Amino acid sequence: MNNQEWDNLLNIKTTNERDWQAAIYDYHRLESTDYEVLSLLFDNLTVSKEDVFVDMGCGTGRAMFYIHYRFGITVKGIELHPMTFVELENNKKQFQKRFTIPNNDIYITHTYADD
């Protein structure tokens, strides 16, 4: 499946890119990892039901939602960009509409990863 087909399956929107304002040099732009790369990575890792995936700078949550869908493990995302965090919240709501999951399986936080 291509990126758009995966997004459709997961009921989320993660195909956008966003740069920070020039004054913020320590942060990298939003650019989602291809689902193909995520699949290759997790085909080669062992994941148990007790594992927790933490994504610092999770953007719109592509990796988090893919991993939760594939493995059913708890995922946690930290995102600082205000507009991106709103999109992440929307994606969480849309994902939970499509899949019945415990509310405490997906945590998202709007803060600096350093904190």
PDB file of N, CA and C in Angstrom:
ATOM      1  N   MET A   1       0.841  -1.190   0.000  1.00  0.00           N
ATOM      2  CA  MET A   1       0.000   0.000   0.000  1.00  0.00           C
ATOM      3  C   MET A   1       0.882   1.248   0.000  1.00  0.00           C
ATOM      4  N   ASN A   2       0.389   2.283  -0.614  1.00  0.00           N
ATOM      5  CA  ASN A   2       1.127   3.545  -0.583  1.00  0.00           C
ATOM      6  C   ASN A   2       0.735   4.351   0.665  1.00  0.00           C
ATOM      7  N   ASN A   3       1.381   5.503   0.859  1.00  0.00           N
ATOM      8  CA  ASN A   3       1.138   6.310   2.059  1.00  0.00           C
ATOM      9  C   ASN A   3      -0.317   6.735   2.188  1.00  0.00           C
ATOM     10  N   GLN A   4      -0.944   7.178   1.103  1.00  0.00           N
ATOM     11  CA  GLN A   4      -2.334   7.621   1.161  1.00  0.00           C
ATOM     12  C   GLN A   4      -3.268   6.467   1.503  1.00  0.00           C
ATOM     13  N   GLU A   5      -3.007   5.285   0.959  1.00  0.00           N
ATOM     14  CA  GLU A   5      -3.847   4.122   1.266  1.00  0.00           C
ATOM     15  C   GLU A   5      -3.739   3.744   2.739  1.00  0.00           C
ATOM     16  N   TRP A   6      -2.527   3.811   3.291  1.00  0.00           N
ATOM     17  CA  TRP A   6      -2.353   3.550   4.726  1.00  0.00           C
ATOM     18  C   TRP A   6      -3.100   4.583   5.557  1.00  0.00           C
ATOM     19  N   ASP A   7      -2.953   5.864   5.212  1.00  0.00           N
ATOM     20  CA  ASP A   7      -3.672   6.909   5.934  1.00  0.00           C
ATOM     21  C   ASP A   7      -5.178   6.652   5.887  1.00  0.00           C
ATOM     22  N   ASN A   8      -5.686   6.271   4.745  1.00  0.00           N
ATOM     23  CA  ASN A   8      -7.117   5.976   4.617  1.00  0.00           C
ATOM     24  C   ASN A   8      -7.518   4.805   5.508  1.00  0.00           C
ATOM     25  N   LEU A   9      -6.721   3.747   5.520  1.00  0.00           N
ATOM     26  CA  LEU A   9      -7.003   2.585   6.359  1.00  0.00           C
ATOM     27  C   LEU A   9      -7.045   2.980   7.834  1.00  0.00           C
ATOM     28  N   LEU A  10      -6.079   3.794   8.258  1.00  0.00           N
ATOM     29  CA  LEU A  10      -5.986   4.193   9.664  1.00  0.00           C
ATOM     30  C   LEU A  10      -6.906   5.362  10.004  1.00  0.00           C
ATOM     31  N   ASN A  11      -7.547   5.947   8.988  1.00  0.00           N
ATOM     32  CA  ASN A  11      -8.496   7.056   9.163  1.00  0.00           C
ATOM     33  C   ASN A  11      -7.806   8.314   9.702  1.00  0.00           C
ATOM     34  N   ILE A  12      -6.589   8.580   9.207  1.00  0.00           N
ATOM     35  CA  ILE A  12      -5.806   9.738   9.648  1.00  0.00           C
ATOM     36  C   ILE A  12      -5.268  10.497   8.436  1.00  0.00           C
ATOM     37  N   LYS A  13      -4.719  11.694   8.695  1.00  0.00           N
ATOM     38  CA  LYS A  13      -4.110  12.516   7.644  1.00  0.00           C
ATOM     39  C   LYS A  13      -2.699  12.883   8.094  1.00  0.00           C
ATOM     40  N   THR A  14      -1.705  12.307   7.421  1.00  0.00           N
ATOM     41  CA  THR A  14      -0.313  12.532   7.839  1.00  0.00           C
ATOM     42  C   THR A  14       0.608  12.857   6.678  1.00  0.00           C
ATOM     43  N   THR A  15       0.079  13.251   5.547  1.00  0.00           N
ATOM     44  CA  THR A  15       0.916  13.422   4.360  1.00  0.00           C
ATOM     45  C   THR A  15       1.446  14.831   4.161  1.00  0.00           C
ATOM     46  N   ASN A  16       1.234  15.719   5.126  1.00  0.00           N
ATOM     47  CA  ASN A  16       1.700  17.099   4.952  1.00  0.00           C
ATOM     48  C   ASN A  16       3.132  17.285   5.453  1.00  0.00           C
ATOM     49  N   GLU A  17       3.747  18.397   5.073  1.00  0.00           N
ATOM     50  CA  GLU A  17       5.064  18.797   5.568  1.00  0.00           C
ATOM     51  C   GLU A  17       4.931  20.211   6.126  1.00  0.00           C
ATOM     52  N   ARG A  18       5.738  20.519   7.132  1.00  0.00           N
ATOM     53  CA  ARG A  18       5.670  21.855   7.729  1.00  0.00           C
ATOM     54  C   ARG A  18       7.043  22.229   8.258  1.00  0.00           C
ATOM     55  N   ASP A  19       7.479  23.450   7.940  1.00  0.00           N
ATOM     56  CA  ASP A  19       8.731  23.977   8.468  1.00  0.00           C
ATOM     57  C   ASP A  19       8.437  24.856   9.680  1.00  0.00           C
ATOM     58  N   TRP A  20       9.397  24.907  10.583  1.00  0.00           N
ATOM     59  CA  TRP A  20       9.341  25.839  11.705  1.00  0.00           C
ATOM     60  C   TRP A  20       9.705  27.220  11.184  1.00  0.00           C
ATOM     61  N   GLN A  21       9.368  28.237  11.954  1.00  0.00           N
ATOM     62  CA  GLN A  21       9.797  29.589  11.607  1.00  0.00           C
ATOM     63  C   GLN A  21      11.316  29.645  11.688  1.00  0.00           C
ATOM     64  N   ALA A  22      11.919  30.512  10.911  1.00  0.00           N
ATOM     65  CA  ALA A  22      13.380  30.590  10.829  1.00  0.00           C
ATOM     66  C   ALA A  22      14.043  30.844  12.177  1.00  0.00           C
ATOM     67  N   ALA A  23      13.348  31.454  13.110  1.00  0.00           N
ATOM     68  CA  ALA A  23      13.942  31.783  14.409  1.00  0.00           C
ATOM     69  C   ALA A  23      14.172  30.548  15.281  1.00  0.00           C
ATOM     70  N   ILE A  24      13.567  29.435  14.942  1.00  0.00           N
ATOM     71  CA  ILE A  24      13.699  28.228  15.765  1.00  0.00           C
ATOM     72  C   ILE A  24      14.611  27.248  15.031  1.00  0.00           C
ATOM     73  N   TYR A  25      15.875  27.260  15.370  1.00  0.00           N
ATOM     74  CA  TYR A  25      16.866  26.475  14.632  1.00  0.00           C
ATOM     75  C   TYR A  25      17.064  25.063  15.171  1.00  0.00           C
ATOM     76  N   ASP A  26      16.653  24.793  16.383  1.00  0.00           N
ATOM     77  CA  ASP A  26      16.912  23.494  16.997  1.00  0.00           C
ATOM     78  C   ASP A  26      15.871  22.437  16.660  1.00  0.00           C
ATOM     79  N   TYR A  27      14.902  22.772  15.832  1.00  0.00           N
ATOM     80  CA  TYR A  27      13.830  21.848  15.547  1.00  0.00           C
ATOM     81  C   TYR A  27      13.790  21.525  14.067  1.00  0.00           C
ATOM     82  N   HIS A  28      13.412  20.296  13.776  1.00  0.00           N
ATOM     83  CA  HIS A  28      13.362  19.825  12.396  1.00  0.00           C
ATOM     84  C   HIS A  28      11.940  19.899  11.870  1.00  0.00           C
ATOM     85  N   ARG A  29      11.821  20.049  10.579  1.00  0.00           N
ATOM     86  CA  ARG A  29      10.499  20.186   9.985  1.00  0.00           C
ATOM     87  C   ARG A  29       9.705  18.888  10.098  1.00  0.00           C
ATOM     88  N   LEU A  30       8.394  19.029  10.007  1.00  0.00           N
ATOM     89  CA  LEU A  30       7.489  17.891   9.984  1.00  0.00           C
ATOM     90  C   LEU A  30       7.629  17.211   8.623  1.00  0.00           C
ATOM     91  N   GLU A  31       7.971  15.956   8.647  1.00  0.00           N
ATOM     92  CA  GLU A  31       8.086  15.163   7.422  1.00  0.00           C
ATOM     93  C   GLU A  31       7.882  13.701   7.813  1.00  0.00           C
ATOM     94  N   SER A  32       6.731  13.158   7.507  1.00  0.00           N
ATOM     95  CA  SER A  32       6.366  11.817   7.956  1.00  0.00           C
ATOM     96  C   SER A  32       7.214  10.735   7.302  1.00  0.00           C
ATOM     97  N   THR A  33       7.569   9.741   8.090  1.00  0.00           N
ATOM     98  CA  THR A  33       8.294   8.567   7.607  1.00  0.00           C
ATOM     99  C   THR A  33       7.362   7.733   6.741  1.00  0.00           C
ATOM    100  N   ASP A  34       7.840   7.275   5.588  1.00  0.00           N
ATOM    101  CA  ASP A  34       7.025   6.431   4.711  1.00  0.00           C
ATOM    102  C   ASP A  34       6.586   5.164   5.453  1.00  0.00           C
ATOM    103  N   TYR A  35       5.371   4.750   5.199  1.00  0.00           N
ATOM    104  CA  TYR A  35       4.871   3.506   5.788  1.00  0.00           C
ATOM    105  C   TYR A  35       5.738   2.316   5.374  1.00  0.00           C
ATOM    106  N   GLU A  36       6.273   2.355   4.172  1.00  0.00           N
ATOM    107  CA  GLU A  36       7.143   1.273   3.719  1.00  0.00           C
ATOM    108  C   GLU A  36       8.367   1.135   4.631  1.00  0.00           C
ATOM    109  N   VAL A  37       8.930   2.258   5.038  1.00  0.00           N
ATOM    110  CA  VAL A  37      10.083   2.250   5.942  1.00  0.00           C
ATOM    111  C   VAL A  37       9.666   1.735   7.318  1.00  0.00           C
ATOM    112  N   LEU A  38       8.513   2.183   7.811  1.00  0.00           N
ATOM    113  CA  LEU A  38       8.022   1.680   9.092  1.00  0.00           C
ATOM    114  C   LEU A  38       7.826   0.168   9.049  1.00  0.00           C
ATOM    115  N   SER A  39       7.260  -0.320   7.949  1.00  0.00           N
ATOM    116  CA  SER A  39       7.045  -1.760   7.802  1.00  0.00           C
ATOM    117  C   SER A  39       8.368  -2.519   7.810  1.00  0.00           C
ATOM    118  N   LEU A  40       9.347  -2.020   7.064  1.00  0.00           N
ATOM    119  CA  LEU A  40      10.666  -2.679   7.042  1.00  0.00           C
ATOM    120  C   LEU A  40      11.308  -2.698   8.424  1.00  0.00           C
ATOM    121  N   LEU A  41      11.242  -1.582   9.114  1.00  0.00           N
ATOM    122  CA  LEU A  41      11.818  -1.502  10.452  1.00  0.00           C
ATOM    123  C   LEU A  41      11.168  -2.507  11.390  1.00  0.00           C
ATOM    124  N   PHE A  42       9.851  -2.532  11.419  1.00  0.00           N
ATOM    125  CA  PHE A  42       9.167  -3.382  12.390  1.00  0.00           C
ATOM    126  C   PHE A  42       9.039  -4.833  11.943  1.00  0.00           C
ATOM    127  N   ASP A  43       9.379  -5.127  10.703  1.00  0.00           N
ATOM    128  CA  ASP A  43       9.520  -6.522  10.287  1.00  0.00           C
ATOM    129  C   ASP A  43      10.775  -7.120  10.902  1.00  0.00           C
ATOM    130  N   ASN A  44      11.710  -6.261  11.308  1.00  0.00           N
ATOM    131  CA  ASN A  44      12.998  -6.721  11.824  1.00  0.00           C
ATOM    132  C   ASN A  44      13.182  -6.475  13.318  1.00  0.00           C
ATOM    133  N   LEU A  45      12.133  -6.081  14.016  1.00  0.00           N
ATOM    134  CA  LEU A  45      12.190  -5.880  15.463  1.00  0.00           C
ATOM    135  C   LEU A  45      11.174  -6.776  16.149  1.00  0.00           C
ATOM    136  N   THR A  46      11.506  -7.217  17.331  1.00  0.00           N
ATOM    137  CA  THR A  46      10.568  -7.990  18.123  1.00  0.00           C
ATOM    138  C   THR A  46       9.829  -7.036  19.058  1.00  0.00           C
ATOM    139  N   VAL A  47       8.519  -7.097  19.022  1.00  0.00           N
ATOM    140  CA  VAL A  47       7.684  -6.240  19.857  1.00  0.00           C
ATOM    141  C   VAL A  47       6.796  -7.141  20.696  1.00  0.00           C
ATOM    142  N   SER A  48       6.760  -6.867  22.011  1.00  0.00           N
ATOM    143  CA  SER A  48       5.881  -7.637  22.891  1.00  0.00           C
ATOM    144  C   SER A  48       4.722  -6.761  23.349  1.00  0.00           C
ATOM    145  N   LYS A  49       3.665  -7.373  23.839  1.00  0.00           N
ATOM    146  CA  LYS A  49       2.465  -6.646  24.269  1.00  0.00           C
ATOM    147  C   LYS A  49       2.756  -5.690  25.426  1.00  0.00           C
ATOM    148  N   GLU A  50       3.839  -5.917  26.171  1.00  0.00           N
ATOM    149  CA  GLU A  50       4.184  -5.053  27.302  1.00  0.00           C
ATOM    150  C   GLU A  50       4.991  -3.835  26.878  1.00  0.00           C
ATOM    151  N   ASP A  51       5.481  -3.805  25.649  1.00  0.00           N
ATOM    152  CA  ASP A  51       6.292  -2.687  25.177  1.00  0.00           C
ATOM    153  C   ASP A  51       5.447  -1.415  25.062  1.00  0.00           C
ATOM    154  N   VAL A  52       6.130  -0.288  25.193  1.00  0.00           N
ATOM    155  CA  VAL A  52       5.520   1.028  24.989  1.00  0.00           C
ATOM    156  C   VAL A  52       6.386   1.768  23.981  1.00  0.00           C
ATOM    157  N   PHE A  53       5.761   2.316  22.953  1.00  0.00           N
ATOM    158  CA  PHE A  53       6.473   3.080  21.933  1.00  0.00           C
ATOM    159  C   PHE A  53       6.328   4.552  22.243  1.00  0.00           C
ATOM    160  N   VAL A  54       7.466   5.274  22.349  1.00  0.00           N
ATOM    161  CA  VAL A  54       7.465   6.707  22.606  1.00  0.00           C
ATOM    162  C   VAL A  54       8.075   7.412  21.399  1.00  0.00           C
ATOM    163  N   ASP A  55       7.366   8.388  20.868  1.00  0.00           N
ATOM    164  CA  ASP A  55       7.812   9.134  19.691  1.00  0.00           C
ATOM    165  C   ASP A  55       7.955  10.600  20.070  1.00  0.00           C
ATOM    166  N   MET A  56       9.193  11.044  20.223  1.00  0.00           N
ATOM    167  CA  MET A  56       9.463  12.440  20.553  1.00  0.00           C
ATOM    168  C   MET A  56       9.516  13.241  19.262  1.00  0.00           C
ATOM    169  N   GLY A  57       8.660  14.233  19.158  1.00  0.00           N
ATOM    170  CA  GLY A  57       8.526  14.960  17.900  1.00  0.00           C
ATOM    171  C   GLY A  57       7.696  14.144  16.946  1.00  0.00           C
ATOM    172  N   CYS A  58       6.547  13.672  17.417  1.00  0.00           N
ATOM    173  CA  CYS A  58       5.738  12.699  16.677  1.00  0.00           C
ATOM    174  C   CYS A  58       4.981  13.284  15.496  1.00  0.00           C
ATOM    175  N   GLY A  59       5.006  14.614  15.352  1.00  0.00           N
ATOM    176  CA  GLY A  59       4.291  15.210  14.229  1.00  0.00           C
ATOM    177  C   GLY A  59       2.815  14.897  14.290  1.00  0.00           C
ATOM    178  N   THR A  60       2.258  14.438  13.195  1.00  0.00           N
ATOM    179  CA  THR A  60       0.828  14.135  13.137  1.00  0.00           C
ATOM    180  C   THR A  60       0.523  12.694  13.553  1.00  0.00           C
ATOM    181  N   GLY A  61       1.544  11.952  13.975  1.00  0.00           N
ATOM    182  CA  GLY A  61       1.331  10.655  14.604  1.00  0.00           C
ATOM    183  C   GLY A  61       1.403   9.432  13.720  1.00  0.00           C
ATOM    184  N   ARG A  62       1.920   9.556  12.515  1.00  0.00           N
ATOM    185  CA  ARG A  62       1.919   8.415  11.599  1.00  0.00           C
ATOM    186  C   ARG A  62       2.538   7.162  12.223  1.00  0.00           C
ATOM    187  N   ALA A  63       3.734   7.287  12.761  1.00  0.00           N
ATOM    188  CA  ALA A  63       4.404   6.108  13.338  1.00  0.00           C
ATOM    189  C   ALA A  63       3.601   5.549  14.505  1.00  0.00           C
ATOM    190  N   MET A  64       3.109   6.421  15.362  1.00  0.00           N
ATOM    191  CA  MET A  64       2.342   5.969  16.534  1.00  0.00           C
ATOM    192  C   MET A  64       1.115   5.152  16.137  1.00  0.00           C
ATOM    193  N   PHE A  65       0.326   5.691  15.225  1.00  0.00           N
ATOM    194  CA  PHE A  65      -0.919   5.011  14.861  1.00  0.00           C
ATOM    195  C   PHE A  65      -0.637   3.719  14.095  1.00  0.00           C
ATOM    196  N   TYR A  66       0.382   3.731  13.252  1.00  0.00           N
ATOM    197  CA  TYR A  66       0.774   2.510  12.544  1.00  0.00           C
ATOM    198  C   TYR A  66       1.183   1.425  13.541  1.00  0.00           C
ATOM    199  N   ILE A  67       2.006   1.786  14.504  1.00  0.00           N
ATOM    200  CA  ILE A  67       2.510   0.808  15.481  1.00  0.00           C
ATOM    201  C   ILE A  67       1.375   0.301  16.361  1.00  0.00           C
ATOM    202  N   HIS A  68       0.489   1.192  16.775  1.00  0.00           N
ATOM    203  CA  HIS A  68      -0.650   0.728  17.575  1.00  0.00           C
ATOM    204  C   HIS A  68      -1.526  -0.206  16.761  1.00  0.00           C
ATOM    205  N   TYR A  69      -1.771   0.135  15.518  1.00  0.00           N
ATOM    206  CA  TYR A  69      -2.582  -0.715  14.634  1.00  0.00           C
ATOM    207  C   TYR A  69      -1.924  -2.086  14.450  1.00  0.00           C
ATOM    208  N   ARG A  70      -0.638  -2.090  14.201  1.00  0.00           N
ATOM    209  CA  ARG A  70       0.062  -3.341  13.890  1.00  0.00           C
ATOM    210  C   ARG A  70       0.270  -4.227  15.107  1.00  0.00           C
ATOM    211  N   PHE A  71       0.595  -3.633  16.259  1.00  0.00           N
ATOM    212  CA  PHE A  71       0.980  -4.427  17.422  1.00  0.00           C
ATOM    213  C   PHE A  71       0.022  -4.319  18.604  1.00  0.00           C
ATOM    214  N   GLY A  72      -0.842  -3.304  18.613  1.00  0.00           N
ATOM    215  CA  GLY A  72      -1.773  -3.144  19.721  1.00  0.00           C
ATOM    216  C   GLY A  72      -1.110  -2.740  21.029  1.00  0.00           C
ATOM    217  N   ILE A  73       0.064  -2.118  20.950  1.00  0.00           N
ATOM    218  CA  ILE A  73       0.759  -1.711  22.164  1.00  0.00           C
ATOM    219  C   ILE A  73       0.462  -0.245  22.487  1.00  0.00           C
ATOM    220  N   THR A  74       0.764   0.148  23.721  1.00  0.00           N
ATOM    221  CA  THR A  74       0.613   1.537  24.129  1.00  0.00           C
ATOM    222  C   THR A  74       1.604   2.400  23.366  1.00  0.00           C
ATOM    223  N   VAL A  75       1.137   3.546  22.889  1.00  0.00           N
ATOM    224  CA  VAL A  75       1.993   4.503  22.185  1.00  0.00           C
ATOM    225  C   VAL A  75       1.863   5.868  22.840  1.00  0.00           C
ATOM    226  N   LYS A  76       2.978   6.599  22.864  1.00  0.00           N
ATOM    227  CA  LYS A  76       3.002   7.935  23.452  1.00  0.00           C
ATOM    228  C   LYS A  76       3.706   8.875  22.492  1.00  0.00           C
ATOM    229  N   GLY A  77       3.104  10.028  22.258  1.00  0.00           N
ATOM    230  CA  GLY A  77       3.677  10.995  21.341  1.00  0.00           C
ATOM    231  C   GLY A  77       3.832  12.356  21.991  1.00  0.00           C
ATOM    232  N   ILE A  78       4.956  12.997  21.704  1.00  0.00           N
ATOM    233  CA  ILE A  78       5.250  14.332  22.203  1.00  0.00           C
ATOM    234  C   ILE A  78       5.448  15.234  20.988  1.00  0.00           C
ATOM    235  N   GLU A  79       4.681  16.319  20.927  1.00  0.00           N
ATOM    236  CA  GLU A  79       4.768  17.250  19.801  1.00  0.00           C
ATOM    237  C   GLU A  79       4.692  18.682  20.323  1.00  0.00           C
ATOM    238  N   LEU A  80       5.573  19.544  19.811  1.00  0.00           N
ATOM    239  CA  LEU A  80       5.641  20.926  20.261  1.00  0.00           C
ATOM    240  C   LEU A  80       4.897  21.906  19.360  1.00  0.00           C
ATOM    241  N   HIS A  81       4.943  21.714  18.058  1.00  0.00           N
ATOM    242  CA  HIS A  81       4.362  22.687  17.128  1.00  0.00           C
ATOM    243  C   HIS A  81       2.846  22.773  17.350  1.00  0.00           C
ATOM    244  N   PRO A  82       2.319  23.969  17.640  1.00  0.00           N
ATOM    245  CA  PRO A  82       0.890  24.105  17.974  1.00  0.00           C
ATOM    246  C   PRO A  82      -0.060  23.628  16.879  1.00  0.00           C
ATOM    247  N   MET A  83       0.197  23.989  15.634  1.00  0.00           N
ATOM    248  CA  MET A  83      -0.689  23.586  14.547  1.00  0.00           C
ATOM    249  C   MET A  83      -0.607  22.075  14.310  1.00  0.00           C
ATOM    250  N   THR A  84       0.583  21.543  14.387  1.00  0.00           N
ATOM    251  CA  THR A  84       0.761  20.105  14.207  1.00  0.00           C
ATOM    252  C   THR A  84       0.084  19.336  15.332  1.00  0.00           C
ATOM    253  N   PHE A  85       0.145  19.871  16.557  1.00  0.00           N
ATOM    254  CA  PHE A  85      -0.501  19.188  17.679  1.00  0.00           C
ATOM    255  C   PHE A  85      -2.013  19.126  17.489  1.00  0.00           C
ATOM    256  N   VAL A  86      -2.609  20.172  16.961  1.00  0.00           N
ATOM    257  CA  VAL A  86      -4.055  20.142  16.679  1.00  0.00           C
ATOM    258  C   VAL A  86      -4.362  19.035  15.673  1.00  0.00           C
ATOM    259  N   GLU A  87      -3.537  18.911  14.654  1.00  0.00           N
ATOM    260  CA  GLU A  87      -3.722  17.841  13.660  1.00  0.00           C
ATOM    261  C   GLU A  87      -3.537  16.469  14.308  1.00  0.00           C
ATOM    262  N   LEU A  88      -2.588  16.360  15.218  1.00  0.00           N
ATOM    263  CA  LEU A  88      -2.368  15.108  15.948  1.00  0.00           C
ATOM    264  C   LEU A  88      -3.593  14.741  16.783  1.00  0.00           C
ATOM    265  N   GLU A  89      -4.167  15.720  17.468  1.00  0.00           N
ATOM    266  CA  GLU A  89      -5.388  15.471  18.246  1.00  0.00           C
ATOM    267  C   GLU A  89      -6.523  14.990  17.344  1.00  0.00           C
ATOM    268  N   ASN A  90      -6.671  15.631  16.193  1.00  0.00           N
ATOM    269  CA  ASN A  90      -7.705  15.210  15.244  1.00  0.00           C
ATOM    270  C   ASN A  90      -7.454  13.787  14.756  1.00  0.00           C
ATOM    271  N   ASN A  91      -6.207  13.465  14.470  1.00  0.00           N
ATOM    272  CA  ASN A  91      -5.878  12.112  14.025  1.00  0.00           C
ATOM    273  C   ASN A  91      -6.192  11.079  15.106  1.00  0.00           C
ATOM    274  N   LYS A  92      -5.910  11.414  16.351  1.00  0.00           N
ATOM    275  CA  LYS A  92      -6.229  10.493  17.448  1.00  0.00           C
ATOM    276  C   LYS A  92      -7.728  10.229  17.490  1.00  0.00           C
ATOM    277  N   LYS A  93      -8.536  11.291  17.387  1.00  0.00           N
ATOM    278  CA  LYS A  93      -9.994  11.140  17.400  1.00  0.00           C
ATOM    279  C   LYS A  93     -10.464  10.281  16.227  1.00  0.00           C
ATOM    280  N   GLN A  94      -9.919  10.553  15.034  1.00  0.00           N
ATOM    281  CA  GLN A  94     -10.328   9.803  13.840  1.00  0.00           C
ATOM    282  C   GLN A  94      -9.902   8.333  13.935  1.00  0.00           C
ATOM    283  N   PHE A  95      -8.706   8.081  14.431  1.00  0.00           N
ATOM    284  CA  PHE A  95      -8.216   6.714  14.598  1.00  0.00           C
ATOM    285  C   PHE A  95      -9.119   5.954  15.571  1.00  0.00           C
ATOM    286  N   GLN A  96      -9.481   6.619  16.671  1.00  0.00           N
ATOM    287  CA  GLN A  96     -10.326   5.968  17.674  1.00  0.00           C
ATOM    288  C   GLN A  96     -11.758   5.767  17.183  1.00  0.00           C
ATOM    289  N   LYS A  97     -12.205   6.546  16.212  1.00  0.00           N
ATOM    290  CA  LYS A  97     -13.512   6.299  15.605  1.00  0.00           C
ATOM    291  C   LYS A  97     -13.497   5.008  14.786  1.00  0.00           C
ATOM    292  N   ARG A  98     -12.377   4.759  14.121  1.00  0.00           N
ATOM    293  CA  ARG A  98     -12.270   3.584  13.250  1.00  0.00           C
ATOM    294  C   ARG A  98     -11.992   2.312  14.044  1.00  0.00           C
ATOM    295  N   PHE A  99     -11.192   2.432  15.103  1.00  0.00           N
ATOM    296  CA  PHE A  99     -10.770   1.255  15.861  1.00  0.00           C
ATOM    297  C   PHE A  99     -11.186   1.409  17.324  1.00  0.00           C
ATOM    298  N   THR A 100     -11.801   0.381  17.856  1.00  0.00           N
ATOM    299  CA  THR A 100     -12.202   0.394  19.252  1.00  0.00           C
ATOM    300  C   THR A 100     -10.979   0.042  20.094  1.00  0.00           C
ATOM    301  N   ILE A 101     -10.486   1.039  20.815  1.00  0.00           N
ATOM    302  CA  ILE A 101      -9.291   0.825  21.637  1.00  0.00           C
ATOM    303  C   ILE A 101      -9.479   1.517  22.978  1.00  0.00           C
ATOM    304  N   PRO A 102      -8.827   0.991  24.013  1.00  0.00           N
ATOM    305  CA  PRO A 102      -8.890   1.685  25.305  1.00  0.00           C
ATOM    306  C   PRO A 102      -8.307   3.089  25.177  1.00  0.00           C
ATOM    307  N   ASN A 103      -8.933   4.062  25.810  1.00  0.00           N
ATOM    308  CA  ASN A 103      -8.514   5.453  25.710  1.00  0.00           C
ATOM    309  C   ASN A 103      -7.097   5.673  26.226  1.00  0.00           C
ATOM    310  N   ASN A 104      -6.645   4.838  27.153  1.00  0.00           N
ATOM    311  CA  ASN A 104      -5.315   5.035  27.716  1.00  0.00           C
ATOM    312  C   ASN A 104      -4.218   4.311  26.939  1.00  0.00           C
ATOM    313  N   ASP A 105      -4.515   3.803  25.767  1.00  0.00           N
ATOM    314  CA  ASP A 105      -3.500   3.159  24.930  1.00  0.00           C
ATOM    315  C   ASP A 105      -2.741   4.163  24.068  1.00  0.00           C
ATOM    316  N   ILE A 106      -3.301   5.353  23.892  1.00  0.00           N
ATOM    317  CA  ILE A 106      -2.659   6.381  23.067  1.00  0.00           C
ATOM    318  C   ILE A 106      -2.596   7.676  23.878  1.00  0.00           C
ATOM    319  N   TYR A 107      -1.375   8.100  24.182  1.00  0.00           N
ATOM    320  CA  TYR A 107      -1.157   9.340  24.929  1.00  0.00           C
ATOM    321  C   TYR A 107      -0.484  10.347  24.004  1.00  0.00           C
ATOM    322  N   ILE A 108      -0.948  11.577  24.039  1.00  0.00           N
ATOM    323  CA  ILE A 108      -0.258  12.642  23.301  1.00  0.00           C
ATOM    324  C   ILE A 108      -0.083  13.832  24.228  1.00  0.00           C
ATOM    325  N   THR A 109       1.052  14.508  24.071  1.00  0.00           N
ATOM    326  CA  THR A 109       1.392  15.631  24.924  1.00  0.00           C
ATOM    327  C   THR A 109       1.928  16.761  24.077  1.00  0.00           C
ATOM    328  N   HIS A 110       1.467  17.978  24.382  1.00  0.00           N
ATOM    329  CA  HIS A 110       1.934  19.181  23.685  1.00  0.00           C
ATOM    330  C   HIS A 110       2.966  19.873  24.560  1.00  0.00           C
ATOM    331  N   THR A 111       4.242  19.576  24.323  1.00  0.00           N
ATOM    332  CA  THR A 111       5.306  20.140  25.139  1.00  0.00           C
ATOM    333  C   THR A 111       6.658  19.939  24.448  1.00  0.00           C
ATOM    334  N   TYR A 112       7.691  20.503  25.052  1.00  0.00           N
ATOM    335  CA  TYR A 112       9.056  20.265  24.598  1.00  0.00           C
ATOM    336  C   TYR A 112       9.439  18.828  24.950  1.00  0.00           C
ATOM    337  N   ALA A 113      10.118  18.150  24.063  1.00  0.00           N
ATOM    338  CA  ALA A 113      10.588  16.797  24.354  1.00  0.00           C
ATOM    339  C   ALA A 113      11.551  16.793  25.524  1.00  0.00           C
ATOM    340  N   ASP A 114      12.289  17.892  25.692  1.00  0.00           N
ATOM    341  CA  ASP A 114      13.232  18.006  26.803  1.00  0.00           C
ATOM    342  C   ASP A 114      12.534  17.918  28.153  1.00  0.00           C
ATOM    343  N   ASP A 115      11.286  18.345  28.190  1.00  0.00           N
ATOM    344  CA  ASP A 115      10.528  18.330  29.445  1.00  0.00           C
ATOM    345  C   ASP A 115       9.978  16.955  29.752  1.00  0.00           C
TER     346      ASP A 115
END
